[in-house]
Amino acid sequence: MTIELNEPALRQARALVRDGKVTRDERDDWSEAAPTADEENSFIEREGWTEFAHWHLGVDKSENRETKQAYSFPYGDFRTVRRSGVISGESRAGQYDHAEIRDALKSLLELIDDQ
């Protein structure tokens, strides 16, 4: 299992922030804000796997790209970038030694906070 930075997802996240599509909540809000399994399934059914992938900064290319197991480090709720998701992901990426993803999330948080 090798989790890599999902560059298209990072580009989307940055664009959403620049467009003001951000919810400026606190870290502890992520447990309530993160999409549920049912919300994920509905989103995948409606929008497809590529769009689902764009909401996750981690991708495991050894996994089937049409399974949820391939994607990690979600940063939003399929509508906006959630500051709480970015903070939570940055902490988790650091904890599990995913430095590139951690650094991408840190720069995304800085972009959010500078807006």
PDB file of N, CA and C in Angstrom:
ATOM      1  N   MET A   1       0.849  -1.182   0.000  1.00  0.00           N
ATOM      2  CA  MET A   1       0.000   0.000   0.000  1.00  0.00           C
ATOM      3  C   MET A   1       0.896   1.248   0.000  1.00  0.00           C
ATOM      4  N   THR A   2       0.811   2.005  -1.073  1.00  0.00           N
ATOM      5  CA  THR A   2       1.548   3.249  -1.179  1.00  0.00           C
ATOM      6  C   THR A   2       0.568   4.359  -1.501  1.00  0.00           C
ATOM      7  N   ILE A   3       0.364   5.218  -0.544  1.00  0.00           N
ATOM      8  CA  ILE A   3      -0.563   6.332  -0.742  1.00  0.00           C
ATOM      9  C   ILE A   3       0.226   7.519  -1.278  1.00  0.00           C
ATOM     10  N   GLU A   4      -0.252   8.051  -2.397  1.00  0.00           N
ATOM     11  CA  GLU A   4       0.402   9.179  -3.055  1.00  0.00           C
ATOM     12  C   GLU A   4      -0.520  10.394  -3.045  1.00  0.00           C
ATOM     13  N   LEU A   5       0.085  11.551  -3.254  1.00  0.00           N
ATOM     14  CA  LEU A   5      -0.692  12.773  -3.377  1.00  0.00           C
ATOM     15  C   LEU A   5      -1.512  12.724  -4.662  1.00  0.00           C
ATOM     16  N   ASN A   6      -2.782  12.999  -4.543  1.00  0.00           N
ATOM     17  CA  ASN A   6      -3.704  13.032  -5.687  1.00  0.00           C
ATOM     18  C   ASN A   6      -3.700  14.467  -6.232  1.00  0.00           C
ATOM     19  N   GLU A   7      -2.859  14.710  -7.224  1.00  0.00           N
ATOM     20  CA  GLU A   7      -2.668  16.059  -7.766  1.00  0.00           C
ATOM     21  C   GLU A   7      -3.959  16.685  -8.307  1.00  0.00           C
ATOM     22  N   PRO A   8      -4.801  15.945  -9.051  1.00  0.00           N
ATOM     23  CA  PRO A   8      -6.050  16.559  -9.512  1.00  0.00           C
ATOM     24  C   PRO A   8      -6.944  17.015  -8.356  1.00  0.00           C
ATOM     25  N   ALA A   9      -6.936  16.269  -7.271  1.00  0.00           N
ATOM     26  CA  ALA A   9      -7.727  16.658  -6.097  1.00  0.00           C
ATOM     27  C   ALA A   9      -7.170  17.927  -5.476  1.00  0.00           C
ATOM     28  N   LEU A  10      -5.857  18.044  -5.420  1.00  0.00           N
ATOM     29  CA  LEU A  10      -5.245  19.244  -4.865  1.00  0.00           C
ATOM     30  C   LEU A  10      -5.571  20.461  -5.732  1.00  0.00           C
ATOM     31  N   ARG A  11      -5.521  20.296  -7.050  1.00  0.00           N
ATOM     32  CA  ARG A  11      -5.884  21.407  -7.942  1.00  0.00           C
ATOM     33  C   ARG A  11      -7.336  21.826  -7.722  1.00  0.00           C
ATOM     34  N   GLN A  12      -8.229  20.838  -7.577  1.00  0.00           N
ATOM     35  CA  GLN A  12      -9.634  21.160  -7.339  1.00  0.00           C
ATOM     36  C   GLN A  12      -9.806  21.890  -6.009  1.00  0.00           C
ATOM     37  N   ALA A  13      -9.144  21.400  -4.972  1.00  0.00           N
ATOM     38  CA  ALA A  13      -9.267  22.017  -3.647  1.00  0.00           C
ATOM     39  C   ALA A  13      -8.799  23.472  -3.682  1.00  0.00           C
ATOM     40  N   ARG A  14      -7.677  23.718  -4.323  1.00  0.00           N
ATOM     41  CA  ARG A  14      -7.177  25.093  -4.432  1.00  0.00           C
ATOM     42  C   ARG A  14      -8.152  25.986  -5.184  1.00  0.00           C
ATOM     43  N   ALA A  15      -8.707  25.465  -6.274  1.00  0.00           N
ATOM     44  CA  ALA A  15      -9.669  26.245  -7.062  1.00  0.00           C
ATOM     45  C   ALA A  15     -10.918  26.563  -6.240  1.00  0.00           C
ATOM     46  N   LEU A  16     -11.392  25.582  -5.477  1.00  0.00           N
ATOM     47  CA  LEU A  16     -12.568  25.813  -4.633  1.00  0.00           C
ATOM     48  C   LEU A  16     -12.285  26.907  -3.602  1.00  0.00           C
ATOM     49  N   VAL A  17     -11.109  26.856  -2.998  1.00  0.00           N
ATOM     50  CA  VAL A  17     -10.749  27.877  -2.006  1.00  0.00           C
ATOM     51  C   VAL A  17     -10.692  29.248  -2.676  1.00  0.00           C
ATOM     52  N   ARG A  18     -10.036  29.331  -3.822  1.00  0.00           N
ATOM     53  CA  ARG A  18      -9.945  30.619  -4.531  1.00  0.00           C
ATOM     54  C   ARG A  18     -11.327  31.153  -4.901  1.00  0.00           C
ATOM     55  N   ASP A  19     -12.272  30.228  -5.176  1.00  0.00           N
ATOM     56  CA  ASP A  19     -13.641  30.621  -5.525  1.00  0.00           C
ATOM     57  C   ASP A  19     -14.516  30.898  -4.306  1.00  0.00           C
ATOM     58  N   GLY A  20     -13.929  30.777  -3.115  1.00  0.00           N
ATOM     59  CA  GLY A  20     -14.667  31.054  -1.889  1.00  0.00           C
ATOM     60  C   GLY A  20     -15.570  29.919  -1.425  1.00  0.00           C
ATOM     61  N   LYS A  21     -15.391  28.739  -1.963  1.00  0.00           N
ATOM     62  CA  LYS A  21     -16.222  27.597  -1.579  1.00  0.00           C
ATOM     63  C   LYS A  21     -15.553  26.858  -0.423  1.00  0.00           C
ATOM     64  N   VAL A  22     -15.580  27.528   0.735  1.00  0.00           N
ATOM     65  CA  VAL A  22     -14.909  27.038   1.939  1.00  0.00           C
ATOM     66  C   VAL A  22     -15.849  27.186   3.116  1.00  0.00           C
ATOM     67  N   THR A  23     -15.859  26.189   3.978  1.00  0.00           N
ATOM     68  CA  THR A  23     -16.531  26.294   5.270  1.00  0.00           C
ATOM     69  C   THR A  23     -15.427  26.427   6.308  1.00  0.00           C
ATOM     70  N   ARG A  24     -15.390  27.564   6.963  1.00  0.00           N
ATOM     71  CA  ARG A  24     -14.325  27.863   7.927  1.00  0.00           C
ATOM     72  C   ARG A  24     -14.738  27.395   9.324  1.00  0.00           C
ATOM     73  N   ASP A  25     -14.658  26.111   9.502  1.00  0.00           N
ATOM     74  CA  ASP A  25     -15.014  25.525  10.793  1.00  0.00           C
ATOM     75  C   ASP A  25     -13.746  25.118  11.527  1.00  0.00           C
ATOM     76  N   GLU A  26     -13.912  24.543  12.695  1.00  0.00           N
ATOM     77  CA  GLU A  26     -12.783  24.140  13.533  1.00  0.00           C
ATOM     78  C   GLU A  26     -12.553  22.637  13.429  1.00  0.00           C
ATOM     79  N   ARG A  27     -11.362  22.208  13.808  1.00  0.00           N
ATOM     80  CA  ARG A  27     -10.954  20.808  13.660  1.00  0.00           C
ATOM     81  C   ARG A  27     -11.988  19.819  14.202  1.00  0.00           C
ATOM     82  N   ASP A  28     -12.505  20.081  15.364  1.00  0.00           N
ATOM     83  CA  ASP A  28     -13.432  19.141  15.997  1.00  0.00           C
ATOM     84  C   ASP A  28     -14.747  19.011  15.231  1.00  0.00           C
ATOM     85  N   ASP A  29     -15.032  19.932  14.331  1.00  0.00           N
ATOM     86  CA  ASP A  29     -16.269  19.872  13.547  1.00  0.00           C
ATOM     87  C   ASP A  29     -16.230  18.787  12.478  1.00  0.00           C
ATOM     88  N   TRP A  30     -15.044  18.294  12.135  1.00  0.00           N
ATOM     89  CA  TRP A  30     -14.924  17.333  11.038  1.00  0.00           C
ATOM     90  C   TRP A  30     -15.680  16.037  11.319  1.00  0.00           C
ATOM     91  N   SER A  31     -15.721  15.602  12.552  1.00  0.00           N
ATOM     92  CA  SER A  31     -16.416  14.347  12.858  1.00  0.00           C
ATOM     93  C   SER A  31     -17.900  14.433  12.479  1.00  0.00           C
ATOM     94  N   GLU A  32     -18.478  15.610  12.569  1.00  0.00           N
ATOM     95  CA  GLU A  32     -19.876  15.813  12.173  1.00  0.00           C
ATOM     96  C   GLU A  32     -20.009  16.167  10.693  1.00  0.00           C
ATOM     97  N   ALA A  33     -18.992  16.829  10.136  1.00  0.00           N
ATOM     98  CA  ALA A  33     -19.066  17.345   8.758  1.00  0.00           C
ATOM     99  C   ALA A  33     -18.665  16.327   7.704  1.00  0.00           C
ATOM    100  N   ALA A  34     -17.827  15.370   8.070  1.00  0.00           N
ATOM    101  CA  ALA A  34     -17.341  14.390   7.088  1.00  0.00           C
ATOM    102  C   ALA A  34     -18.516  13.622   6.488  1.00  0.00           C
ATOM    103  N   PRO A  35     -18.485  13.398   5.181  1.00  0.00           N
ATOM    104  CA  PRO A  35     -19.575  12.650   4.557  1.00  0.00           C
ATOM    105  C   PRO A  35     -19.716  11.243   5.147  1.00  0.00           C
ATOM    106  N   THR A  36     -20.949  10.820   5.315  1.00  0.00           N
ATOM    107  CA  THR A  36     -21.229   9.464   5.784  1.00  0.00           C
ATOM    108  C   THR A  36     -21.047   8.486   4.620  1.00  0.00           C
ATOM    109  N   ALA A  37     -21.020   7.211   4.927  1.00  0.00           N
ATOM    110  CA  ALA A  37     -20.922   6.193   3.873  1.00  0.00           C
ATOM    111  C   ALA A  37     -22.088   6.313   2.893  1.00  0.00           C
ATOM    112  N   ASP A  38     -23.284   6.566   3.395  1.00  0.00           N
ATOM    113  CA  ASP A  38     -24.441   6.726   2.507  1.00  0.00           C
ATOM    114  C   ASP A  38     -24.294   7.954   1.620  1.00  0.00           C
ATOM    115  N   GLU A  39     -23.780   9.047   2.173  1.00  0.00           N
ATOM    116  CA  GLU A  39     -23.550  10.255   1.364  1.00  0.00           C
ATOM    117  C   GLU A  39     -22.486  10.000   0.298  1.00  0.00           C
ATOM    118  N   GLU A  40     -21.448   9.268   0.671  1.00  0.00           N
ATOM    119  CA  GLU A  40     -20.425   8.909  -0.309  1.00  0.00           C
ATOM    120  C   GLU A  40     -21.025   8.062  -1.428  1.00  0.00           C
ATOM    121  N   ASN A  41     -21.798   7.063  -1.055  1.00  0.00           N
ATOM    122  CA  ASN A  41     -22.405   6.189  -2.062  1.00  0.00           C
ATOM    123  C   ASN A  41     -23.324   6.964  -2.995  1.00  0.00           C
ATOM    124  N   SER A  42     -24.114   7.859  -2.457  1.00  0.00           N
ATOM    125  CA  SER A  42     -25.007   8.677  -3.286  1.00  0.00           C
ATOM    126  C   SER A  42     -24.203   9.559  -4.230  1.00  0.00           C
ATOM    127  N   PHE A  43     -23.122  10.152  -3.721  1.00  0.00           N
ATOM    128  CA  PHE A  43     -22.280  11.002  -4.550  1.00  0.00           C
ATOM    129  C   PHE A  43     -21.664  10.191  -5.693  1.00  0.00           C
ATOM    130  N   ILE A  44     -21.138   9.014  -5.391  1.00  0.00           N
ATOM    131  CA  ILE A  44     -20.528   8.163  -6.411  1.00  0.00           C
ATOM    132  C   ILE A  44     -21.565   7.778  -7.466  1.00  0.00           C
ATOM    133  N   GLU A  45     -22.744   7.423  -7.035  1.00  0.00           N
ATOM    134  CA  GLU A  45     -23.809   7.031  -7.968  1.00  0.00           C
ATOM    135  C   GLU A  45     -24.182   8.202  -8.883  1.00  0.00           C
ATOM    136  N   ARG A  46     -24.221   9.381  -8.315  1.00  0.00           N
ATOM    137  CA  ARG A  46     -24.634  10.574  -9.064  1.00  0.00           C
ATOM    138  C   ARG A  46     -23.511  11.127  -9.945  1.00  0.00           C
ATOM    139  N   GLU A  47     -22.282  11.198  -9.388  1.00  0.00           N
ATOM    140  CA  GLU A  47     -21.186  11.911 -10.055  1.00  0.00           C
ATOM    141  C   GLU A  47     -20.084  11.013 -10.620  1.00  0.00           C
ATOM    142  N   GLY A  48     -19.959   9.794 -10.096  1.00  0.00           N
ATOM    143  CA  GLY A  48     -18.937   8.872 -10.592  1.00  0.00           C
ATOM    144  C   GLY A  48     -17.658   8.871  -9.767  1.00  0.00           C
ATOM    145  N   TRP A  49     -16.818   7.895 -10.083  1.00  0.00           N
ATOM    146  CA  TRP A  49     -15.600   7.678  -9.316  1.00  0.00           C
ATOM    147  C   TRP A  49     -14.570   8.786  -9.495  1.00  0.00           C
ATOM    148  N   THR A  50     -14.466   9.354 -10.688  1.00  0.00           N
ATOM    149  CA  THR A  50     -13.477  10.408 -10.903  1.00  0.00           C
ATOM    150  C   THR A  50     -13.772  11.604 -10.016  1.00  0.00           C
ATOM    151  N   GLU A  51     -15.037  12.004  -9.963  1.00  0.00           N
ATOM    152  CA  GLU A  51     -15.401  13.137  -9.101  1.00  0.00           C
ATOM    153  C   GLU A  51     -15.195  12.798  -7.633  1.00  0.00           C
ATOM    154  N   PHE A  52     -15.509  11.563  -7.244  1.00  0.00           N
ATOM    155  CA  PHE A  52     -15.262  11.130  -5.865  1.00  0.00           C
ATOM    156  C   PHE A  52     -13.771  11.253  -5.539  1.00  0.00           C
ATOM    157  N   ALA A  53     -12.925  10.808  -6.460  1.00  0.00           N
ATOM    158  CA  ALA A  53     -11.476  10.867  -6.255  1.00  0.00           C
ATOM    159  C   ALA A  53     -11.005  12.298  -6.049  1.00  0.00           C
ATOM    160  N   HIS A  54     -11.636  13.251  -6.723  1.00  0.00           N
ATOM    161  CA  HIS A  54     -11.218  14.648  -6.630  1.00  0.00           C
ATOM    162  C   HIS A  54     -11.473  15.268  -5.259  1.00  0.00           C
ATOM    163  N   TRP A  55     -12.175  14.567  -4.392  1.00  0.00           N
ATOM    164  CA  TRP A  55     -12.414  15.060  -3.034  1.00  0.00           C
ATOM    165  C   TRP A  55     -11.497  14.398  -2.007  1.00  0.00           C
ATOM    166  N   HIS A  56     -10.450  13.706  -2.487  1.00  0.00           N
ATOM    167  CA  HIS A  56      -9.514  13.004  -1.603  1.00  0.00           C
ATOM    168  C   HIS A  56      -8.085  13.295  -2.034  1.00  0.00           C
ATOM    169  N   LEU A  57      -7.251  13.745  -1.103  1.00  0.00           N
ATOM    170  CA  LEU A  57      -5.879  14.085  -1.454  1.00  0.00           C
ATOM    171  C   LEU A  57      -4.943  12.892  -1.458  1.00  0.00           C
ATOM    172  N   GLY A  58      -5.400  11.741  -1.002  1.00  0.00           N
ATOM    173  CA  GLY A  58      -4.579  10.541  -1.036  1.00  0.00           C
ATOM    174  C   GLY A  58      -5.168   9.520  -1.983  1.00  0.00           C
ATOM    175  N   VAL A  59      -4.283   8.871  -2.759  1.00  0.00           N
ATOM    176  CA  VAL A  59      -4.725   7.799  -3.645  1.00  0.00           C
ATOM    177  C   VAL A  59      -3.722   6.652  -3.549  1.00  0.00           C
ATOM    178  N   ASP A  60      -4.249   5.453  -3.423  1.00  0.00           N
ATOM    179  CA  ASP A  60      -3.438   4.242  -3.390  1.00  0.00           C
ATOM    180  C   ASP A  60      -3.603   3.577  -4.754  1.00  0.00           C
ATOM    181  N   LYS A  61      -2.594   3.724  -5.598  1.00  0.00           N
ATOM    182  CA  LYS A  61      -2.690   3.243  -6.976  1.00  0.00           C
ATOM    183  C   LYS A  61      -2.639   1.722  -7.077  1.00  0.00           C
ATOM    184  N   SER A  62      -2.342   1.050  -5.977  1.00  0.00           N
ATOM    185  CA  SER A  62      -2.368  -0.418  -6.001  1.00  0.00           C
ATOM    186  C   SER A  62      -3.791  -0.950  -5.798  1.00  0.00           C
ATOM    187  N   GLU A  63      -4.712  -0.081  -5.414  1.00  0.00           N
ATOM    188  CA  GLU A  63      -6.115  -0.467  -5.208  1.00  0.00           C
ATOM    189  C   GLU A  63      -6.924  -0.206  -6.478  1.00  0.00           C
ATOM    190  N   ASN A  64      -8.015  -0.907  -6.603  1.00  0.00           N
ATOM    191  CA  ASN A  64      -8.961  -0.684  -7.696  1.00  0.00           C
ATOM    192  C   ASN A  64      -9.492   0.735  -7.569  1.00  0.00           C
ATOM    193  N   ARG A  65      -9.387   1.524  -8.629  1.00  0.00           N
ATOM    194  CA  ARG A  65      -9.797   2.931  -8.598  1.00  0.00           C
ATOM    195  C   ARG A  65     -11.309   3.098  -8.456  1.00  0.00           C
ATOM    196  N   GLU A  66     -12.045   2.035  -8.575  1.00  0.00           N
ATOM    197  CA  GLU A  66     -13.491   2.109  -8.391  1.00  0.00           C
ATOM    198  C   GLU A  66     -13.906   1.458  -7.079  1.00  0.00           C
ATOM    199  N   THR A  67     -13.083   1.685  -6.067  1.00  0.00           N
ATOM    200  CA  THR A  67     -13.411   1.280  -4.701  1.00  0.00           C
ATOM    201  C   THR A  67     -13.009   2.413  -3.766  1.00  0.00           C
ATOM    202  N   LYS A  68     -13.703   2.528  -2.679  1.00  0.00           N
ATOM    203  CA  LYS A  68     -13.380   3.572  -1.704  1.00  0.00           C
ATOM    204  C   LYS A  68     -12.008   3.356  -1.076  1.00  0.00           C
ATOM    205  N   GLN A  69     -11.533   2.110  -1.039  1.00  0.00           N
ATOM    206  CA  GLN A  69     -10.244   1.815  -0.432  1.00  0.00           C
ATOM    207  C   GLN A  69      -9.097   2.524  -1.137  1.00  0.00           C
ATOM    208  N   ALA A  70      -9.301   2.947  -2.380  1.00  0.00           N
ATOM    209  CA  ALA A  70      -8.238   3.608  -3.131  1.00  0.00           C
ATOM    210  C   ALA A  70      -8.021   5.046  -2.682  1.00  0.00           C
ATOM    211  N   TYR A  71      -8.965   5.611  -1.930  1.00  0.00           N
ATOM    212  CA  TYR A  71      -8.927   7.040  -1.636  1.00  0.00           C
ATOM    213  C   TYR A  71      -8.876   7.329  -0.139  1.00  0.00           C
ATOM    214  N   SER A  72      -8.081   8.330   0.205  1.00  0.00           N
ATOM    215  CA  SER A  72      -7.942   8.726   1.609  1.00  0.00           C
ATOM    216  C   SER A  72      -7.703  10.236   1.683  1.00  0.00           C
ATOM    217  N   PHE A  73      -7.737  10.740   2.863  1.00  0.00           N
ATOM    218  CA  PHE A  73      -7.543  12.154   3.151  1.00  0.00           C
ATOM    219  C   PHE A  73      -8.576  13.048   2.457  1.00  0.00           C
ATOM    220  N   PRO A  74      -9.841  12.832   2.799  1.00  0.00           N
ATOM    221  CA  PRO A  74     -10.887  13.721   2.272  1.00  0.00           C
ATOM    222  C   PRO A  74     -10.722  15.114   2.867  1.00  0.00           C
ATOM    223  N   TYR A  75     -11.088  16.118   2.090  1.00  0.00           N
ATOM    224  CA  TYR A  75     -10.915  17.497   2.551  1.00  0.00           C
ATOM    225  C   TYR A  75     -12.208  18.302   2.531  1.00  0.00           C
ATOM    226  N   GLY A  76     -13.299  17.682   2.127  1.00  0.00           N
ATOM    227  CA  GLY A  76     -14.537  18.442   2.041  1.00  0.00           C
ATOM    228  C   GLY A  76     -15.763  17.569   2.099  1.00  0.00           C
ATOM    229  N   ASP A  77     -16.904  18.218   1.907  1.00  0.00           N
ATOM    230  CA  ASP A  77     -18.201  17.544   2.045  1.00  0.00           C
ATOM    231  C   ASP A  77     -18.934  17.407   0.717  1.00  0.00           C
ATOM    232  N   PHE A  78     -18.198  17.420  -0.390  1.00  0.00           N
ATOM    233  CA  PHE A  78     -18.719  17.328  -1.764  1.00  0.00           C
ATOM    234  C   PHE A  78     -19.398  18.619  -2.217  1.00  0.00           C
ATOM    235  N   ARG A  79     -19.322  19.665  -1.387  1.00  0.00           N
ATOM    236  CA  ARG A  79     -19.838  20.985  -1.767  1.00  0.00           C
ATOM    237  C   ARG A  79     -18.780  22.059  -1.542  1.00  0.00           C
ATOM    238  N   THR A  80     -18.137  21.977  -0.372  1.00  0.00           N
ATOM    239  CA  THR A  80     -17.128  22.970  -0.011  1.00  0.00           C
ATOM    240  C   THR A  80     -15.909  22.289   0.600  1.00  0.00           C
ATOM    241  N   VAL A  81     -14.795  23.000   0.566  1.00  0.00           N
ATOM    242  CA  VAL A  81     -13.617  22.589   1.319  1.00  0.00           C
ATOM    243  C   VAL A  81     -13.926  22.887   2.775  1.00  0.00           C
ATOM    244  N   ARG A  82     -13.748  21.919   3.622  1.00  0.00           N
ATOM    245  CA  ARG A  82     -13.990  22.116   5.052  1.00  0.00           C
ATOM    246  C   ARG A  82     -12.650  22.325   5.740  1.00  0.00           C
ATOM    247  N   ARG A  83     -12.501  23.449   6.370  1.00  0.00           N
ATOM    248  CA  ARG A  83     -11.262  23.736   7.105  1.00  0.00           C
ATOM    249  C   ARG A  83     -10.980  22.614   8.096  1.00  0.00           C
ATOM    250  N   SER A  84     -12.035  22.118   8.732  1.00  0.00           N
ATOM    251  CA  SER A  84     -11.876  21.037   9.709  1.00  0.00           C
ATOM    252  C   SER A  84     -11.307  19.777   9.064  1.00  0.00           C
ATOM    253  N   GLY A  85     -11.723  19.475   7.838  1.00  0.00           N
ATOM    254  CA  GLY A  85     -11.206  18.303   7.132  1.00  0.00           C
ATOM    255  C   GLY A  85      -9.747  18.460   6.762  1.00  0.00           C
ATOM    256  N   VAL A  86      -9.369  19.675   6.381  1.00  0.00           N
ATOM    257  CA  VAL A  86      -7.977  19.952   6.026  1.00  0.00           C
ATOM    258  C   VAL A  86      -7.094  19.795   7.266  1.00  0.00           C
ATOM    259  N   ILE A  87      -7.511  20.360   8.386  1.00  0.00           N
ATOM    260  CA  ILE A  87      -6.733  20.259   9.625  1.00  0.00           C
ATOM    261  C   ILE A  87      -6.617  18.798  10.069  1.00  0.00           C
ATOM    262  N   SER A  88      -7.725  18.090  10.043  1.00  0.00           N
ATOM    263  CA  SER A  88      -7.720  16.688  10.452  1.00  0.00           C
ATOM    264  C   SER A  88      -6.809  15.853   9.550  1.00  0.00           C
ATOM    265  N   GLY A  89      -6.913  16.087   8.251  1.00  0.00           N
ATOM    266  CA  GLY A  89      -6.078  15.349   7.304  1.00  0.00           C
ATOM    267  C   GLY A  89      -4.602  15.646   7.472  1.00  0.00           C
ATOM    268  N   GLU A  90      -4.280  16.914   7.702  1.00  0.00           N
ATOM    269  CA  GLU A  90      -2.871  17.285   7.895  1.00  0.00           C
ATOM    270  C   GLU A  90      -2.285  16.553   9.103  1.00  0.00           C
ATOM    271  N   SER A  91      -3.040  16.517  10.181  1.00  0.00           N
ATOM    272  CA  SER A  91      -2.581  15.828  11.386  1.00  0.00           C
ATOM    273  C   SER A  91      -2.395  14.329  11.126  1.00  0.00           C
ATOM    274  N   ARG A  92      -3.379  13.726  10.470  1.00  0.00           N
ATOM    275  CA  ARG A  92      -3.316  12.280  10.197  1.00  0.00           C
ATOM    276  C   ARG A  92      -2.185  11.945   9.234  1.00  0.00           C
ATOM    277  N   ALA A  93      -1.993  12.783   8.209  1.00  0.00           N
ATOM    278  CA  ALA A  93      -0.911  12.541   7.252  1.00  0.00           C
ATOM    279  C   ALA A  93       0.446  12.610   7.948  1.00  0.00           C
ATOM    280  N   GLY A  94       0.614  13.560   8.852  1.00  0.00           N
ATOM    281  CA  GLY A  94       1.855  13.651   9.604  1.00  0.00           C
ATOM    282  C   GLY A  94       2.065  12.453  10.503  1.00  0.00           C
ATOM    283  N   GLN A  95       0.992  12.015  11.117  1.00  0.00           N
ATOM    284  CA  GLN A  95       1.048  10.872  12.034  1.00  0.00           C
ATOM    285  C   GLN A  95       1.488   9.593  11.318  1.00  0.00           C
ATOM    286  N   TYR A  96       1.085   9.435  10.051  1.00  0.00           N
ATOM    287  CA  TYR A  96       1.380   8.216   9.294  1.00  0.00           C
ATOM    288  C   TYR A  96       2.483   8.420   8.251  1.00  0.00           C
ATOM    289  N   ASP A  97       3.263   9.475   8.401  1.00  0.00           N
ATOM    290  CA  ASP A  97       4.440   9.734   7.561  1.00  0.00           C
ATOM    291  C   ASP A  97       4.132   9.881   6.073  1.00  0.00           C
ATOM    292  N   HIS A  98       3.040  10.565   5.768  1.00  0.00           N
ATOM    293  CA  HIS A  98       2.726  10.911   4.386  1.00  0.00           C
ATOM    294  C   HIS A  98       3.080  12.388   4.204  1.00  0.00           C
ATOM    295  N   ALA A  99       4.398  12.646   4.127  1.00  0.00           N
ATOM    296  CA  ALA A  99       4.902  14.018   4.162  1.00  0.00           C
ATOM    297  C   ALA A  99       4.368  14.873   3.014  1.00  0.00           C
ATOM    298  N   GLU A 100       4.293  14.324   1.814  1.00  0.00           N
ATOM    299  CA  GLU A 100       3.840  15.114   0.672  1.00  0.00           C
ATOM    300  C   GLU A 100       2.378  15.535   0.843  1.00  0.00           C
ATOM    301  N   ILE A 101       1.569  14.627   1.336  1.00  0.00           N
ATOM    302  CA  ILE A 101       0.158  14.939   1.574  1.00  0.00           C
ATOM    303  C   ILE A 101       0.030  15.920   2.740  1.00  0.00           C
ATOM    304  N   ARG A 102       0.784  15.700   3.793  1.00  0.00           N
ATOM    305  CA  ARG A 102       0.792  16.624   4.938  1.00  0.00           C
ATOM    306  C   ARG A 102       1.133  18.039   4.487  1.00  0.00           C
ATOM    307  N   ASP A 103       2.176  18.155   3.673  1.00  0.00           N
ATOM    308  CA  ASP A 103       2.610  19.477   3.217  1.00  0.00           C
ATOM    309  C   ASP A 103       1.572  20.125   2.299  1.00  0.00           C
ATOM    310  N   ALA A 104       0.921  19.322   1.463  1.00  0.00           N
ATOM    311  CA  ALA A 104      -0.128  19.856   0.590  1.00  0.00           C
ATOM    312  C   ALA A 104      -1.300  20.364   1.422  1.00  0.00           C
ATOM    313  N   LEU A 105      -1.665  19.630   2.452  1.00  0.00           N
ATOM    314  CA  LEU A 105      -2.760  20.051   3.322  1.00  0.00           C
ATOM    315  C   LEU A 105      -2.371  21.299   4.115  1.00  0.00           C
ATOM    316  N   LYS A 106      -1.130  21.371   4.549  1.00  0.00           N
ATOM    317  CA  LYS A 106      -0.669  22.564   5.265  1.00  0.00           C
ATOM    318  C   LYS A 106      -0.764  23.793   4.364  1.00  0.00           C
ATOM    319  N   SER A 107      -0.327  23.663   3.113  1.00  0.00           N
ATOM    320  CA  SER A 107      -0.395  24.806   2.198  1.00  0.00           C
ATOM    321  C   SER A 107      -1.850  25.158   1.867  1.00  0.00           C
ATOM    322  N   LEU A 108      -2.716  24.156   1.819  1.00  0.00           N
ATOM    323  CA  LEU A 108      -4.137  24.413   1.588  1.00  0.00           C
ATOM    324  C   LEU A 108      -4.748  25.163   2.775  1.00  0.00           C
ATOM    325  N   LEU A 109      -4.369  24.782   3.985  1.00  0.00           N
ATOM    326  CA  LEU A 109      -4.847  25.479   5.180  1.00  0.00           C
ATOM    327  C   LEU A 109      -4.369  26.934   5.174  1.00  0.00           C
ATOM    328  N   GLU A 110      -3.127  27.147   4.798  1.00  0.00           N
ATOM    329  CA  GLU A 110      -2.614  28.519   4.714  1.00  0.00           C
ATOM    330  C   GLU A 110      -3.400  29.328   3.691  1.00  0.00           C
ATOM    331  N   LEU A 111      -3.724  28.714   2.560  1.00  0.00           N
ATOM    332  CA  LEU A 111      -4.519  29.395   1.537  1.00  0.00           C
ATOM    333  C   LEU A 111      -5.898  29.775   2.083  1.00  0.00           C
ATOM    334  N   ILE A 112      -6.502  28.850   2.805  1.00  0.00           N
ATOM    335  CA  ILE A 112      -7.819  29.118   3.422  1.00  0.00           C
ATOM    336  C   ILE A 112      -7.706  30.270   4.409  1.00  0.00           C
ATOM    337  N   ASP A 113      -6.727  30.215   5.281  1.00  0.00           N
ATOM    338  CA  ASP A 113      -6.602  31.220   6.334  1.00  0.00           C
ATOM    339  C   ASP A 113      -6.178  32.587   5.796  1.00  0.00           C
ATOM    340  N   ASP A 114      -5.524  32.613   4.648  1.00  0.00           N
ATOM    341  CA  ASP A 114      -5.124  33.894   4.034  1.00  0.00           C
ATOM    342  C   ASP A 114      -6.253  34.568   3.267  1.00  0.00           C
ATOM    343  N   GLN A 115      -7.302  33.840   2.992  1.00  0.00           N
ATOM    344  CA  GLN A 115      -8.419  34.395   2.193  1.00  0.00           C
ATOM    345  C   GLN A 115      -9.305  35.255   3.047  1.00  0.00           C
TER     346      GLN A 115
END
